[in-house]
Amino acid sequence: MTPDDCIFCKIVAGELPATIVDEDERTITFMDINPAVRGHVLVIPRAHSRNLFDVLEEDLAACATASQRIARRMREAFGAEGANILSAAESVAWQTVFHFHIHVIPRNHDDPLKLPWIPAAGDMDEIKAAGAELSRG
């Protein structure tokens, strides 16, 4: 995907509408049009990058800072008790728009959102083996 084909790049360029709630020199935060709960936003870098594997470190840091800023605002505006911060890299991980983005989702105990992953104890030998593989890099 090139920036010419990217829906998020078109939002950055002002070619497509979006409800923008925050922006700075590196990022734009706008309301998700398919919200998990009320107040769900997307934080994107202005510069196109496919996903976490490709985003520039400076843009990643700026998106993390913007995510924190908007999550704090969600606490004030909505009384959010918590927040989910989610990003997907590639379709196998549920990425559907191929421009790096972070979902910031305000959470409350009584909201309807249920995540698909339920944590359960893992095999400690496998956990150690995976950790050893990651430590080599």
Protein backbone atom coordinates (compact mmCIF):
# COMPACT_ATOMS: atom_id res chain seq x y z
CA MET A 1 0.00 0.00 0.00
CA THR A 2 1.24 3.45 -0.86
CA PRO A 3 0.23 6.71 0.78
CA ASP A 4 -1.90 7.38 -2.31
CA ASP A 5 -4.03 4.30 -1.51
CA CYS A 6 -4.05 4.72 2.28
CA ILE A 7 -7.26 5.86 3.94
CA PHE A 8 -5.35 7.22 6.94
CA CYS A 9 -2.96 9.19 4.72
CA LYS A 10 -6.03 10.70 3.07
CA ILE A 11 -7.29 11.74 6.52
CA VAL A 12 -3.88 13.32 7.27
CA ALA A 13 -4.04 15.18 3.93
CA GLY A 14 -7.57 16.41 4.64
CA GLU A 15 -8.97 14.48 1.65
CA LEU A 16 -11.29 12.36 3.83
CA PRO A 17 -13.30 13.53 6.82
CA ALA A 18 -12.50 12.51 10.37
CA THR A 19 -13.47 13.70 13.82
CA ILE A 20 -10.05 14.84 14.96
CA VAL A 21 -9.70 15.20 18.73
CA ASP A 22 -5.96 15.86 19.08
CA GLU A 23 -2.97 16.52 16.88
CA ASP A 24 0.62 17.63 17.03
CA GLU A 25 3.49 17.89 14.56
CA ARG A 26 3.92 14.08 14.30
CA THR A 27 0.48 12.60 15.14
CA ILE A 28 -3.25 12.88 14.61
CA THR A 29 -5.86 11.34 16.92
CA PHE A 30 -9.37 10.81 15.61
CA MET A 31 -12.54 8.95 16.51
CA ASP A 32 -12.76 5.35 15.25
CA ILE A 33 -15.78 4.94 12.96
CA ASN A 34 -16.13 1.32 14.14
CA PRO A 35 -15.84 1.91 17.88
CA ALA A 36 -15.54 -0.90 20.39
CA VAL A 37 -17.05 1.44 23.00
CA ARG A 38 -17.97 5.11 23.16
CA GLY A 39 -14.85 7.27 22.94
CA HIS A 40 -12.63 4.76 21.05
CA VAL A 41 -9.95 6.66 19.10
CA LEU A 42 -7.09 5.95 16.73
CA VAL A 43 -3.68 7.58 17.08
CA ILE A 44 -1.62 7.64 13.88
CA PRO A 45 1.66 9.14 12.75
CA ARG A 46 1.33 11.73 10.01
CA ALA A 47 4.04 9.92 8.03
CA HIS A 48 2.97 6.68 6.38
CA SER A 49 4.39 3.43 7.70
CA ARG A 50 2.78 0.02 7.33
CA ASN A 51 2.80 -1.06 10.97
CA LEU A 52 4.93 -1.64 14.07
CA PHE A 53 7.64 -3.36 12.04
CA ASP A 54 8.16 -0.26 9.87
CA VAL A 55 7.23 2.81 11.93
CA LEU A 56 10.07 5.20 12.66
CA GLU A 57 11.15 5.23 16.30
CA GLU A 58 10.36 8.94 16.56
CA ASP A 59 6.84 8.39 15.23
CA LEU A 60 6.30 5.42 17.54
CA ALA A 61 7.38 7.50 20.54
CA ALA A 62 5.12 10.38 19.46
CA CYS A 63 2.16 7.99 19.06
CA ALA A 64 2.82 6.52 22.52
CA THR A 65 2.88 10.02 24.04
CA ALA A 66 -0.31 11.01 22.19
CA SER A 67 -1.96 7.77 23.37
CA GLN A 68 -1.14 8.59 26.98
CA ARG A 69 -2.38 12.16 26.54
CA ILE A 70 -5.74 11.03 25.11
CA ALA A 71 -6.15 8.23 27.68
CA ARG A 72 -5.76 10.79 30.46
CA ARG A 73 -8.32 12.99 28.72
CA MET A 74 -10.71 9.98 28.55
CA ARG A 75 -10.49 9.67 32.32
CA GLU A 76 -11.48 13.30 32.70
CA ALA A 77 -14.12 13.46 29.94
CA PHE A 78 -15.79 10.07 30.34
CA GLY A 79 -14.76 8.96 33.81
CA ALA A 80 -12.92 6.03 32.22
CA GLU A 81 -11.66 3.61 34.84
CA GLY A 82 -8.99 2.24 32.52
CA ALA A 83 -7.89 2.02 28.91
CA ASN A 84 -6.85 -0.56 26.37
CA ILE A 85 -3.98 0.35 24.06
CA LEU A 86 -3.92 -1.96 21.04
CA SER A 87 -1.96 -2.13 17.80
CA ALA A 88 -1.95 -4.88 15.19
CA ALA A 89 0.90 -5.71 12.81
CA GLU A 90 -0.16 -7.62 9.69
CA SER A 91 -3.43 -9.34 8.91
CA VAL A 92 -2.59 -12.43 10.98
CA ALA A 93 -2.71 -10.09 14.00
CA TRP A 94 -6.02 -8.50 12.86
CA GLN A 95 -4.56 -5.43 11.13
CA THR A 96 -7.08 -4.19 8.56
CA VAL A 97 -5.74 -0.72 7.71
CA PHE A 98 -2.09 -0.83 6.75
CA HIS A 99 -0.93 2.46 8.23
CA PHE A 100 0.52 2.17 11.73
CA HIS A 101 -2.09 3.07 14.33
CA ILE A 102 -2.84 2.64 17.99
CA HIS A 103 -6.36 2.05 19.27
CA VAL A 104 -7.00 3.82 22.57
CA ILE A 105 -10.18 2.46 24.09
CA PRO A 106 -11.65 3.87 27.30
CA ARG A 107 -12.78 1.13 29.67
CA ASN A 108 -15.27 0.84 32.50
CA HIS A 109 -16.32 -2.18 34.51
CA ASP A 110 -19.80 -2.15 33.01
CA ASP A 111 -18.88 -1.64 29.34
CA PRO A 112 -19.80 -4.33 26.80
CA LEU A 113 -16.34 -4.94 25.33
CA LYS A 114 -14.95 -8.44 25.80
CA LEU A 115 -11.54 -9.23 24.44
CA PRO A 116 -10.97 -12.57 22.65
CA TRP A 117 -7.93 -13.59 24.69
CA ILE A 118 -8.40 -15.04 28.15
CA PRO A 119 -5.07 -15.33 29.99
CA ALA A 120 -4.22 -18.81 31.24
CA ALA A 121 -1.06 -20.31 32.69
CA GLY A 122 1.48 -21.35 30.08
CA ASP A 123 4.05 -24.13 29.94
CA MET A 124 7.06 -22.77 31.86
CA ASP A 125 9.58 -24.76 29.80
CA GLU A 126 8.16 -23.31 26.59
CA ILE A 127 8.09 -19.82 28.10
CA LYS A 128 11.79 -20.14 29.02
CA ALA A 129 12.65 -21.52 25.57
CA ALA A 130 10.88 -18.63 23.82
CA GLY A 131 12.62 -16.17 26.15
CA ALA A 132 15.98 -17.69 25.30
CA GLU A 133 15.28 -17.31 21.57
CA LEU A 134 14.32 -13.66 22.01
CA SER A 135 17.38 -12.94 24.17
CA ARG A 136 19.76 -13.99 21.38
CA GLY A 137 18.78 -11.08 19.15
